[in-house]
Protein backbone atom coordinates (compact mmCIF):
# COMPACT_ATOMS: atom_id res chain seq x y z
CA MET A 1 0.01 0.06 0.02
CA SER A 2 3.15 2.11 0.23
CA PRO A 3 3.67 4.39 -2.65
CA ALA A 4 7.37 3.09 -2.84
CA ILE A 5 6.29 -0.71 -2.43
CA ALA A 6 7.59 -1.46 -5.85
CA ALA A 7 11.04 -0.09 -4.90
CA LYS A 8 11.05 -1.81 -1.79
CA GLU A 9 10.02 -5.01 -3.14
CA GLY A 10 12.94 -4.84 -5.58
CA GLY A 11 15.69 -4.21 -3.28
CA ARG A 12 14.66 -5.28 -3.10
CA GLN A 13 12.20 -5.30 -3.75
CA ARG A 14 15.18 -4.59 -4.62
CA ARG A 15 15.16 -4.69 -2.95
CA ALA A 16 16.41 -4.71 -3.56
CA GLY A 17 17.35 -6.55 -2.51
CA SER A 18 18.38 -12.24 -1.74
CA HIS A 19 15.71 -13.33 0.20
CA HIS A 20 15.23 -16.65 1.70
CA HIS A 21 16.65 -18.40 4.65
CA CYS A 22 18.49 -21.48 3.92
CA LEU A 23 18.74 -21.65 0.12
CA ASP A 24 20.83 -24.83 -0.98
CA VAL A 25 22.99 -23.82 -3.77
CA ARG A 26 25.63 -26.57 -3.17
CA SER A 27 24.56 -28.71 -6.02
CA GLU A 28 27.75 -29.93 -8.17
CA ALA A 29 28.28 -28.61 -11.48
CA PRO A 30 27.47 -30.98 -14.21
CA PRO A 31 30.31 -32.66 -16.27
CA ALA A 32 29.51 -30.38 -19.20
CA LEU A 33 28.13 -26.66 -18.89
CA ALA A 34 26.33 -24.92 -21.86
CA LEU A 35 28.28 -22.12 -23.32
CA CYS A 36 26.46 -18.76 -23.90
CA GLY A 37 29.59 -17.37 -25.76
CA ASP A 38 32.62 -19.03 -27.31
CA GLY A 39 33.75 -22.38 -25.83
CA LEU A 40 36.69 -22.65 -23.52
CA PRO A 41 39.82 -24.11 -25.01
CA GLY A 42 39.66 -27.95 -24.91
CA GLY A 43 36.22 -27.82 -23.64
CA GLU A 44 37.32 -26.91 -20.20
CA ALA A 45 34.23 -26.85 -17.65
CA GLU A 46 34.37 -24.29 -14.77
CA ALA A 47 32.77 -25.04 -11.62
CA LEU A 48 30.58 -22.64 -9.57
CA LEU A 49 33.39 -22.42 -7.19
CA PRO A 50 36.78 -24.29 -7.23
CA ALA A 51 37.09 -27.58 -5.68
CA GLU A 52 39.48 -26.40 -3.28
CA ALA A 53 36.67 -24.52 -1.50
CA GLY A 54 34.67 -27.66 -0.69
CA SER A 55 37.64 -29.39 0.52
CA ARG A 56 37.83 -27.21 3.55
CA GLY A 57 35.17 -28.99 5.26
CA SER A 58 31.75 -27.44 6.52
CA ARG A 59 31.66 -24.12 8.36
CA GLY A 60 28.79 -23.46 10.46
CA CYS A 61 26.94 -20.26 10.60
CA ARG A 62 28.22 -19.41 14.21
CA ALA A 63 31.79 -19.37 12.62
CA GLU A 64 30.72 -16.65 10.31
CA LEU A 65 28.45 -14.60 12.65
CA GLY A 66 30.54 -11.56 12.21
CA SER A 67 30.11 -11.57 8.33
CA ILE A 68 26.48 -12.28 8.52
CA LEU A 69 26.03 -9.28 10.97
CA LEU A 70 28.08 -7.13 8.77
CA LEU A 71 25.94 -7.86 5.65
CA LEU A 72 22.88 -7.17 7.94
CA VAL A 73 24.17 -3.78 8.71
CA LEU A 74 25.14 -2.93 5.14
CA TYR A 75 21.44 -3.96 3.89
CA VAL A 76 19.92 -1.82 6.78
CA LEU A 77 21.81 1.30 5.51
CA GLN A 78 20.87 0.45 1.89
CA GLY A 79 17.19 0.71 3.23
CA ILE A 80 17.57 4.08 4.74
CA PRO A 81 17.50 6.00 1.38
CA LEU A 82 14.71 3.83 0.09
CA GLY A 83 12.62 4.48 3.02
CA LEU A 84 13.35 8.18 2.87
CA ALA A 85 12.37 8.34 -0.89
CA GLY A 86 9.19 6.31 -0.01
CA SER A 87 8.22 8.97 2.63
CA VAL A 88 8.50 11.87 0.17
CA PRO A 89 5.28 10.90 -2.08
CA LEU A 90 3.34 10.92 1.16
CA ILE A 91 4.58 14.66 2.13
CA LEU A 92 3.98 15.79 -1.43
CA GLN A 93 0.39 14.25 -1.42
CA SER A 94 -0.27 16.18 1.97
CA LYS A 95 0.73 19.27 -0.06
CA SER A 96 -1.68 18.65 -2.74
CA ALA A 97 0.71 17.49 -5.48
CA SER A 98 -0.81 16.19 -8.62
CA TYR A 99 -0.55 12.46 -9.77
CA THR A 100 1.43 13.70 -12.65
CA ASP A 101 4.09 15.11 -9.98
CA GLN A 102 3.86 11.84 -8.19
CA ALA A 103 4.52 9.82 -11.43
CA PHE A 104 7.58 12.06 -12.04
CA PHE A 105 8.90 11.46 -8.70
CA SER A 106 8.38 7.82 -9.05
CA PHE A 107 11.45 7.88 -11.42
CA VAL A 108 13.39 8.17 -8.16
CA PHE A 109 12.87 4.43 -7.63
CA TRP A 110 14.26 3.34 -10.97
CA PRO A 111 18.19 3.27 -10.39
CA PHE A 112 17.39 -0.18 -8.72
CA SER A 113 15.80 -1.01 -12.08
CA LEU A 114 18.59 0.39 -14.17
CA LYS A 115 21.63 -0.52 -12.26
CA LEU A 116 22.39 -3.26 -14.84
CA LEU A 117 23.85 -0.69 -16.89
CA TRP A 118 26.76 -0.08 -14.72
CA ALA A 119 26.98 -3.17 -12.62
CA PRO A 120 29.58 -4.78 -15.10
CA LEU A 121 31.67 -1.71 -14.27
CA VAL A 122 31.45 -2.40 -10.58
CA ASP A 123 32.32 -6.01 -11.05
CA ALA A 124 35.44 -5.18 -13.42
CA VAL A 125 37.10 -2.15 -12.19
CA TYR A 126 38.64 -2.31 -8.65
CA LEU A 127 41.83 -1.84 -6.71
CA ARG A 128 43.30 -5.33 -5.98
CA GLY A 129 44.97 -4.36 -3.02
CA PHE A 130 41.96 -2.77 -1.31
CA GLY A 131 39.41 -5.43 -2.34
CA ARG A 132 37.15 -6.01 -5.15
CA ARG A 133 33.75 -5.09 -3.32
CA LYS A 134 35.39 -2.63 -0.99
CA SER A 135 36.76 -0.45 -3.88
CA TRP A 136 33.27 0.40 -4.54
CA LEU A 137 31.54 -0.03 -1.28
CA VAL A 138 33.47 2.35 0.64
CA PRO A 139 33.61 5.29 -1.74
CA THR A 140 29.94 4.96 -2.49
CA GLN A 141 28.94 4.90 1.17
CA TYR A 142 31.33 7.89 1.77
CA VAL A 143 29.66 9.91 -0.88
CA LEU A 144 26.07 8.86 0.04
CA GLY A 145 27.04 10.04 3.70
CA LEU A 146 28.64 13.51 2.65
CA PHE A 147 25.54 14.15 0.25
CA MET A 148 22.95 13.53 3.02
CA ILE A 149 24.70 15.91 5.17
CA TYR A 150 24.75 18.54 2.42
CA MET A 151 21.20 17.98 1.51
CA SER A 152 20.16 18.48 5.12
CA THR A 153 20.92 22.27 4.59
CA GLN A 154 18.68 22.32 1.34
CA VAL A 155 15.80 19.91 1.52
CA ASP A 156 13.54 22.32 3.67
CA LEU A 157 13.70 24.69 0.77
CA LEU A 158 12.90 22.17 -1.63
CA LEU A 159 9.68 20.92 0.08
CA GLY A 160 8.28 24.55 0.08
CA ASP A 161 7.18 26.79 2.90
CA GLY A 162 3.41 26.20 2.60
CA GLU A 163 2.96 29.92 2.21
CA GLY A 164 2.44 30.14 -1.57
CA ARG A 165 5.67 28.40 -2.60
CA GLY A 166 4.90 24.88 -3.35
CA PRO A 167 7.45 21.70 -3.38
CA ASP A 168 9.86 21.85 -6.34
CA VAL A 169 9.19 18.36 -7.49
CA VAL A 170 11.94 18.54 -10.23
CA ALA A 171 14.69 19.21 -7.70
CA LEU A 172 13.32 16.67 -5.20
CA THR A 173 13.31 14.04 -7.94
CA VAL A 174 16.86 14.83 -9.03
CA THR A 175 18.11 14.95 -5.45
CA PHE A 176 16.66 11.56 -4.41
CA PHE A 177 17.34 10.04 -7.71
CA LEU A 178 20.98 10.56 -6.91
CA PHE A 179 20.31 9.04 -3.31
CA GLU A 180 18.86 5.76 -5.03
CA PHE A 181 21.62 5.68 -7.63
CA LEU A 182 24.24 5.68 -4.89
CA ALA A 183 22.23 3.08 -3.09
CA ALA A 184 21.91 0.79 -6.08
CA THR A 185 25.55 0.98 -6.59
CA GLN A 186 26.04 -0.03 -3.06
CA ASP A 187 23.78 -2.97 -3.50
CA ILE A 188 25.73 -4.21 -6.43
CA ALA A 189 28.69 -4.20 -4.40
CA VAL A 190 27.05 -5.93 -1.38
CA ASP A 191 25.16 -8.56 -3.45
CA GLY A 192 28.66 -9.53 -5.11
CA TRP A 193 30.49 -9.59 -1.87
CA ALA A 194 27.93 -11.71 -0.29
CA LEU A 195 28.58 -14.47 -2.60
CA THR A 196 32.22 -14.83 -1.51
CA MET A 197 32.02 -13.21 2.04
CA LEU A 198 30.22 -16.43 3.25
CA SER A 199 31.08 -20.18 2.75
CA ARG A 200 29.11 -22.13 0.28
CA GLU A 201 27.30 -23.77 3.17
CA ASN A 202 26.09 -20.39 4.41
CA VAL A 203 25.62 -18.07 1.38
CA GLY A 204 21.86 -18.51 1.70
CA TYR A 205 22.03 -16.45 4.83
CA ALA A 206 23.04 -13.54 2.58
CA SER A 207 19.49 -13.58 1.27
CA THR A 208 17.95 -13.47 4.70
CA CYS A 209 20.24 -10.52 5.76
CA ASN A 210 18.97 -8.73 2.55
CA SER A 211 15.31 -9.26 3.40
CA VAL A 212 15.66 -8.36 7.19
CA GLY A 213 18.12 -5.66 6.64
CA GLN A 214 16.21 -3.86 3.85
CA THR A 215 12.98 -4.06 5.72
CA ALA A 216 14.64 -2.73 8.94
CA GLY A 217 16.23 0.16 7.10
CA TYR A 218 13.08 0.94 5.18
CA PHE A 219 11.25 1.11 8.47
CA LEU A 220 13.69 3.30 10.00
CA GLY A 221 13.86 5.67 6.79
CA ASN A 222 10.02 5.58 6.25
CA VAL A 223 7.84 4.80 9.22
CA LEU A 224 9.99 6.02 11.88
CA PHE A 225 10.75 9.24 10.16
CA LEU A 226 7.14 10.06 9.14
CA ALA A 227 6.18 9.39 12.90
CA LEU A 228 8.78 11.39 14.27
CA GLU A 229 8.26 14.43 11.72
CA SER A 230 4.58 14.59 12.67
CA ALA A 231 3.69 17.16 15.17
CA SER A 232 0.40 15.53 16.05
CA PHE A 233 2.07 12.19 16.68
CA CYS A 234 4.76 13.59 18.63
CA ASN A 235 2.43 15.86 20.75
CA LYS A 236 -0.02 12.86 21.39
CA TYR A 237 2.38 10.19 22.32
CA LEU A 238 5.80 11.58 23.04
CA ARG A 239 5.47 15.07 24.58
CA PHE A 240 4.14 16.71 27.73
CA GLN A 241 3.88 20.20 26.06
CA PRO A 242 2.55 20.45 22.48
CA GLN A 243 4.89 22.01 19.86
CA PRO A 244 4.00 23.28 16.50
CA GLN A 245 6.32 20.69 14.67
CA GLY A 246 7.72 17.08 15.21
CA ILE A 247 10.78 15.95 17.02
CA VAL A 248 12.77 15.84 14.01
CA THR A 249 12.54 17.26 10.31
CA LEU A 250 13.93 15.81 7.13
CA SER A 251 16.82 17.87 7.49
CA ASP A 252 17.71 16.39 10.76
CA PHE A 253 17.14 12.95 9.64
CA LEU A 254 19.43 13.40 6.72
CA PHE A 255 22.25 14.95 8.76
CA PHE A 256 22.10 11.82 11.43
CA TRP A 257 22.08 9.24 8.86
CA GLY A 258 24.72 10.87 6.84
CA ALA A 259 26.92 10.59 9.83
CA VAL A 260 26.05 7.17 10.51
CA PHE A 261 27.23 6.30 6.89
CA LEU A 262 30.32 8.06 7.32
CA ILE A 263 31.26 6.10 10.71
CA THR A 264 30.24 2.82 9.61
CA THR A 265 32.13 3.15 6.23
CA THR A 266 35.32 4.08 8.09
CA LEU A 267 34.96 1.07 10.39
CA VAL A 268 34.54 -1.36 7.29
CA ALA A 269 37.24 0.24 5.31
CA LEU A 270 39.57 -0.36 8.31
CA LEU A 271 38.68 -3.54 9.98
CA LYS A 272 36.95 -5.80 7.40
CA LYS A 273 39.09 -7.62 4.97
CA GLU A 274 37.89 -9.46 1.83
CA ASN A 275 37.69 -13.30 2.13
CA LYS A 276 40.67 -14.17 -0.30
CA GLU A 277 40.20 -18.00 0.50
CA LEU A 278 36.71 -18.05 -0.83
CA THR A 279 37.40 -15.85 -3.94
CA PRO A 280 37.67 -18.03 -7.13
CA THR A 281 40.52 -16.86 -9.37
CA LYS A 282 38.26 -17.31 -12.56
CA GLU A 283 35.68 -14.78 -10.99
CA GLU A 284 37.70 -12.08 -12.36
CA THR A 285 37.13 -10.74 -15.77
CA LYS A 286 39.49 -9.33 -18.37
CA GLY A 287 37.93 -5.96 -18.17
CA ILE A 288 34.81 -3.80 -18.68
CA THR A 289 34.49 -4.86 -22.40
CA ASP A 290 34.81 -8.64 -21.51
CA THR A 291 32.18 -8.24 -18.68
CA TYR A 292 29.73 -6.31 -20.98
CA ARG A 293 30.16 -8.88 -23.62
CA LEU A 294 29.47 -11.71 -21.01
CA LEU A 295 26.38 -9.77 -19.98
CA PHE A 296 24.86 -9.65 -23.23
CA SER A 297 25.59 -13.38 -23.65
CA ILE A 298 23.67 -14.04 -20.47
CA ILE A 299 20.67 -12.09 -21.75
CA LYS A 300 20.69 -13.81 -24.98
CA MET A 301 20.44 -17.34 -23.18
CA PRO A 302 16.84 -18.86 -23.84
CA ALA A 303 16.17 -19.34 -20.25
CA VAL A 304 17.16 -15.89 -19.03
CA LEU A 305 15.51 -14.01 -21.91
CA THR A 306 12.31 -15.91 -21.15
CA PHE A 307 12.54 -15.19 -17.33
CA CYS A 308 13.20 -11.40 -18.27
CA LEU A 309 9.93 -11.12 -20.58
CA LEU A 310 7.73 -12.79 -18.14
CA ILE A 311 9.14 -10.99 -14.98
CA LEU A 312 8.61 -7.67 -16.81
CA THR A 313 4.80 -8.05 -17.32
CA ALA A 314 4.05 -10.34 -14.25
CA LYS A 315 3.42 -7.30 -11.82
CA VAL A 316 1.11 -5.15 -14.05
CA GLY A 317 -1.86 -6.39 -12.21
CA PHE A 318 -0.61 -5.04 -8.88
CA SER A 319 0.43 -1.44 -10.09
CA ALA A 320 -2.73 0.43 -9.09
CA ALA A 321 -2.84 -1.11 -5.71
CA ASP A 322 0.66 -0.76 -4.94
CA ALA A 323 1.64 2.87 -6.32
CA VAL A 324 -1.67 4.53 -5.91
CA THR A 325 -3.74 3.35 -2.81
CA GLY A 326 -1.45 4.96 -0.07
CA LEU A 327 -1.75 8.26 -1.93
CA LYS A 328 -5.52 7.90 -2.42
CA LEU A 329 -5.88 7.27 1.29
CA VAL A 330 -3.90 10.34 2.23
CA GLU A 331 -5.89 12.46 -0.38
CA GLU A 332 -9.13 11.08 1.44
CA GLY A 333 -8.00 12.56 4.70
CA VAL A 334 -5.99 9.87 6.50
CA PRO A 335 -3.01 11.63 8.14
CA LYS A 336 0.22 10.25 6.70
CA GLU A 337 1.61 9.60 10.24
CA HIS A 338 -1.19 7.46 10.95
CA LEU A 339 -0.49 5.12 8.06
CA ALA A 340 3.10 5.12 8.99
CA LEU A 341 2.06 4.26 12.73
CA LEU A 342 -0.13 1.27 11.13
CA ALA A 343 2.84 -0.08 9.73
CA VAL A 344 4.62 -0.51 13.07
CA PRO A 345 2.69 -3.77 13.73
CA MET A 346 3.71 -4.93 10.37
CA VAL A 347 7.67 -4.91 11.21
CA PRO A 348 7.65 -8.11 13.07
CA LEU A 349 5.55 -9.66 10.32
CA GLN A 350 7.90 -8.56 7.48
CA ILE A 351 10.83 -9.95 9.57
CA ILE A 352 9.28 -13.11 10.23
CA LEU A 353 7.59 -13.55 6.75
CA PRO A 354 10.94 -14.39 4.89
CA LEU A 355 11.91 -16.88 7.38
CA ILE A 356 8.57 -18.73 7.20
CA ILE A 357 8.23 -18.66 3.35
CA SER A 358 11.71 -19.73 2.81
CA LYS A 359 10.89 -23.22 4.19
CA TYR A 360 8.57 -23.32 0.91
CA THR A 361 10.95 -21.82 -1.30
CA ALA A 362 14.26 -23.46 -0.37
CA GLY A 363 13.38 -26.42 -2.53
CA PRO A 364 14.02 -27.03 -6.23
CA GLN A 365 10.74 -25.19 -7.21
CA PRO A 366 10.52 -21.73 -5.39
CA LEU A 367 8.25 -20.32 -8.17
CA ASN A 368 5.28 -22.46 -7.16
CA THR A 369 4.96 -20.10 -4.32
CA PHE A 370 5.08 -17.13 -6.68
CA TYR A 371 2.34 -18.61 -8.65
CA LYS A 372 -0.09 -19.69 -5.73
CA ALA A 373 0.16 -16.38 -4.12
CA MET A 374 -0.44 -14.25 -7.32
CA PRO A 375 -4.38 -14.66 -7.52
CA PHE A 376 -4.71 -13.67 -3.82
CA ARG A 377 -2.55 -10.60 -4.16
CA LEU A 378 -4.61 -9.65 -7.42
CA LEU A 379 -7.84 -9.79 -5.42
CA LEU A 380 -6.48 -7.54 -2.66
CA GLY A 381 -6.20 -5.06 -5.40
CA LEU A 382 -10.13 -4.92 -5.76
CA GLU A 383 -10.31 -4.84 -1.87
CA PHE A 384 -7.99 -1.91 -1.66
CA ALA A 385 -10.27 0.01 -4.09
CA PHE A 386 -13.06 -0.66 -1.86
CA LEU A 387 -11.30 0.45 0.96
CA VAL A 388 -10.37 3.81 -0.65
CA TRP A 389 -14.17 4.38 -1.75
CA TRP A 390 -15.22 3.53 2.02
CA THR A 391 -12.74 5.84 3.62
CA PRO A 392 -14.79 9.10 3.12
CA LYS A 393 -18.06 7.45 4.33
CA VAL A 394 -16.58 6.66 7.75
CA LYS A 395 -14.83 9.82 8.21
CA HIS A 396 -16.05 12.18 11.02
CA GLU A 397 -14.90 15.37 12.58
CA GLY A 398 -12.40 13.77 14.93
CA GLY A 399 -10.94 11.65 12.22
CA PHE A 400 -11.56 8.04 11.70
CA PRO A 401 -13.02 5.33 14.24
CA VAL A 402 -10.74 2.57 15.43
CA TYR A 403 -12.48 -0.19 13.48
CA TYR A 404 -11.49 1.57 10.33
CA TYR A 405 -7.71 1.53 11.29
CA VAL A 406 -8.32 -2.25 12.17
CA VAL A 407 -9.47 -2.93 8.70
CA VAL A 408 -6.76 -1.00 6.99
CA LEU A 409 -4.34 -3.10 9.23
CA LEU A 410 -5.72 -6.26 8.43
CA SER A 411 -5.90 -5.49 4.74
CA TYR A 412 -2.16 -4.32 4.83
CA ALA A 413 -1.15 -7.51 6.75
CA LEU A 414 -2.84 -9.83 4.01
CA HIS A 415 -1.19 -7.72 1.39
CA GLN A 416 2.26 -8.15 2.92
CA ILE A 417 1.78 -12.10 3.20
CA THR A 418 1.24 -12.24 -0.49
CA LEU A 419 3.89 -9.62 -1.39
CA TYR A 420 6.39 -11.33 0.45
CA SER A 421 5.53 -14.77 -0.88
CA MET A 422 6.13 -13.71 -4.38
CA TYR A 423 9.20 -11.56 -3.31
CA VAL A 424 11.03 -14.22 -1.44
CA ALA A 425 10.22 -16.91 -4.12
CA ILE A 426 11.73 -14.65 -6.99
CA MET A 427 14.89 -13.87 -4.83
CA ALA A 428 15.29 -17.60 -4.09
CA PHE A 429 15.00 -18.40 -7.55
CA ASN A 430 17.36 -15.73 -8.58
CA ALA A 431 19.94 -16.64 -5.91
CA LYS A 432 19.49 -20.41 -6.98
CA VAL A 433 20.32 -19.87 -10.76
CA SER A 434 23.11 -16.94 -10.32
CA ASP A 435 26.57 -17.71 -11.23
CA PRO A 436 29.37 -16.37 -8.96
CA LEU A 437 31.77 -16.53 -11.93
CA ILE A 438 30.58 -12.95 -12.47
CA GLY A 439 29.47 -12.43 -9.03
CA GLY A 440 27.25 -9.32 -8.83
CA THR A 441 26.39 -8.90 -12.55
CA TYR A 442 24.33 -12.12 -12.86
CA MET A 443 22.53 -11.74 -9.84
CA THR A 444 22.13 -8.00 -10.43
CA LEU A 445 20.74 -8.82 -13.88
CA LEU A 446 17.92 -11.13 -12.52
CA ASN A 447 17.00 -8.68 -9.67
CA THR A 448 17.24 -5.63 -11.87
CA VAL A 449 14.68 -7.10 -14.39
CA SER A 450 12.63 -8.14 -11.24
CA ASN A 451 12.67 -4.42 -9.95
CA LEU A 452 11.88 -3.14 -13.42
CA GLY A 453 8.76 -5.11 -13.65
CA GLY A 454 7.42 -3.53 -10.64
CA ASN A 455 8.59 0.05 -11.31
CA TRP A 456 7.45 0.83 -14.82
CA PRO A 457 3.85 -0.32 -14.25
CA SER A 458 3.75 1.90 -11.11
CA THR A 459 5.01 4.99 -12.91
CA VAL A 460 2.43 4.42 -15.78
CA ALA A 461 -0.43 3.64 -12.94
CA LEU A 462 0.45 7.13 -11.43
CA TRP A 463 0.65 8.87 -14.68
CA LEU A 464 -2.69 7.67 -15.85
CA VAL A 465 -4.78 8.65 -12.76
CA ASP A 466 -5.42 12.01 -13.96
CA PRO A 467 -6.16 11.14 -17.44
CA LEU A 468 -8.60 8.66 -16.68
CA THR A 469 -10.39 10.86 -13.96
CA VAL A 470 -13.55 12.36 -15.22
CA LYS A 471 -14.57 15.71 -13.68
CA GLU A 472 -17.17 18.29 -14.43
CA CYS A 473 -17.80 21.94 -13.54
CA ALA A 474 -20.53 22.27 -10.82
CA GLY A 475 -22.16 25.56 -10.92
CA ALA A 476 -20.99 26.59 -14.32
CA ARG A 477 -22.51 24.52 -16.86
CA GLU A 478 -20.65 25.89 -19.86
CA GLN A 479 -17.32 25.12 -18.31
CA THR A 480 -15.19 22.03 -18.26
CA CYS A 481 -12.53 20.54 -15.94
CA GLY A 482 -10.57 18.46 -18.36
CA THR A 483 -7.20 20.43 -18.30
CA THR A 484 -5.71 22.65 -15.34
CA VAL A 485 -6.69 25.86 -17.45
CA ALA A 486 -10.15 24.69 -17.90
CA ALA A 487 -10.29 23.97 -14.18
CA GLU A 488 -9.05 27.47 -13.34
CA LEU A 489 -11.82 29.00 -15.76
CA CYS A 490 -14.37 27.00 -14.04
CA THR A 491 -13.37 28.43 -10.54
CA LYS A 492 -13.32 31.83 -12.00
CA ALA A 493 -16.72 31.28 -13.34
CA GLY A 494 -17.99 30.67 -9.90
CA GLY A 495 -17.92 26.82 -10.17
CA SER A 496 -16.12 23.94 -8.75
CA CYS A 497 -14.66 20.85 -10.43
CA VAL A 498 -16.26 17.48 -8.92
CA THR A 499 -15.05 14.10 -9.59
CA THR A 500 -17.56 12.06 -11.39
CA LEU A 501 -15.40 9.02 -12.16
CA ASP A 502 -12.11 8.55 -10.22
CA GLY A 503 -9.21 7.03 -12.64
CA TYR A 504 -7.96 5.01 -9.58
CA TYR A 505 -11.00 2.83 -9.68
CA VAL A 506 -10.80 2.41 -13.41
CA GLU A 507 -7.29 1.42 -13.22
CA SER A 508 -7.70 -1.07 -10.24
CA VAL A 509 -10.27 -3.01 -12.39
CA ILE A 510 -8.13 -2.94 -15.56
CA CYS A 511 -5.07 -3.99 -13.58
CA VAL A 512 -6.88 -7.01 -12.01
CA ILE A 513 -8.25 -8.10 -15.32
CA LEU A 514 -4.66 -7.93 -16.87
CA GLY A 515 -3.07 -9.63 -13.78
CA PHE A 516 -5.51 -12.76 -14.12
CA GLY A 517 -4.87 -12.97 -17.72
CA TRP A 518 -1.20 -13.34 -17.15
CA TRP A 519 -1.68 -15.59 -14.45
CA PHE A 520 -3.80 -17.97 -16.73
CA LEU A 521 -1.87 -17.63 -19.93
CA LEU A 522 1.75 -17.06 -18.94
CA GLY A 523 1.94 -18.40 -15.18
CA PRO A 524 2.42 -22.10 -16.11
CA LYS A 525 5.27 -21.09 -18.45
CA PHE A 526 6.77 -19.01 -15.76
CA LYS A 527 6.79 -22.07 -13.58
CA LYS A 528 8.48 -24.32 -16.07
CA LEU A 529 11.54 -22.15 -15.84
CA GLN A 530 12.53 -23.88 -12.53
CA ASP A 531 12.65 -27.15 -14.39
CA GLU A 532 15.23 -25.89 -16.60
CA GLY A 533 18.78 -27.91 -15.83
CA GLN A 534 21.69 -25.79 -14.26
CA THR A 535 23.49 -25.90 -17.79
CA SER A 536 20.61 -23.53 -19.04
CA TRP A 537 21.78 -20.81 -16.62
CA LYS A 538 25.56 -21.36 -16.66
CA CYS A 539 27.54 -19.09 -18.86
CA LYS A 540 31.09 -19.21 -19.90
CA ARG A 541 33.61 -16.56 -21.01
CA THR A 542 36.63 -17.08 -23.32
CA ASN A 543 39.96 -16.90 -21.70
């Protein structure tokens, strides 16, 4: 229901993030692996990791607890910019921004869907003495921290003063786009590092760190911020004497987390060494050109190409519910801080869900969970539309009754169950088929396409709300409200624009129809991808 649910889901959801508890990727390489480019001399086959790595014996997760905790912290930091970006649409909506503005701002979440463009660069260029992943992780987080501190001095001006000067949507979009670009670059480095930081037996825990860490970071940057930024929430629950503003502002929040980024990055740079023992020598590539050539070879593989085409269209049915519902609730009068507060009980559920769902996705067919959850999530889209329609009918002078928030909470909980069922299934599948020979690039390719499959429908859904909405000028029959200029003429003529058909409801019905069409016609083909052998997903490069 969050306006940034698509981004979160691609971290994941994407988010980016990568999302299951005990994924078994220890299957042995087959005797002969399919080549996506030129064959290796003599038909040499490369295993996922060198055989020497398996001869060291099994390593329990306790032996690598420090590395697991570090991954968790890095994914939490990654979730902070995602959460902050997700809070801005709610702030803009409270300032009466148009849905066209919201659609433009939604491009902020696209770096996670476009990071494939520079992922090969992150994989191929590095300082050998400093570490392949640290060469990008450390400077990226330093820049992110410094940028946060600088923007803490400018963001209040960009949000507008509420006295005739509205938000500068273009500047806000550029600013948070850069935040997300840096966070996406950090995600590439962390995903790649996770494949070699942990032993083969424990690499599945990286996906758990991704899920739990991003969820916690998103909570801090979104829910906690919106609550502490709200004067009414702070006055009601946290203060003895009412104040005109919240405990923190966006400026304060940016400054604090900028400092946290700088401190954490310094500790990682000084204290954490990359695990040379687990890094296969053949993981390194010849250079940027070689990496991009290998990337294009991966994309041309039939199994990968089919996956990309299907996942790019799988989430069209959820776009109206995920991208517009939260904004519609704010438009109907639900305080944004109350929506943030309702998300608090969801945090334990969001942390526990990946652990529970992973029991069903850890096997050889994780996409079965995706397929089974999809129709329930589509039906919840209709329930969300009903919830928005019902909202103004239960509103009273003091706000909304308790039972209304209970219904919203239950609706959100059911949505999270279906969302995470699909999310964990996709991330488990991606981790299962990813080839560490090119580390972050292969996994980033699959995750990036998954993110893009959620982001482009959300942007389109936001953009179409206004065009699909039908309004008429009440009190001035000769006037119309089809455009902004026409609406102004209507007001000058003594009339007012009244909505006769909300584009959100039109979108909701269309999306559900398209979603069930995909489920019936393409869903079975999507499930069959998990029956492909490992040779269908392994790619070789020339020496």
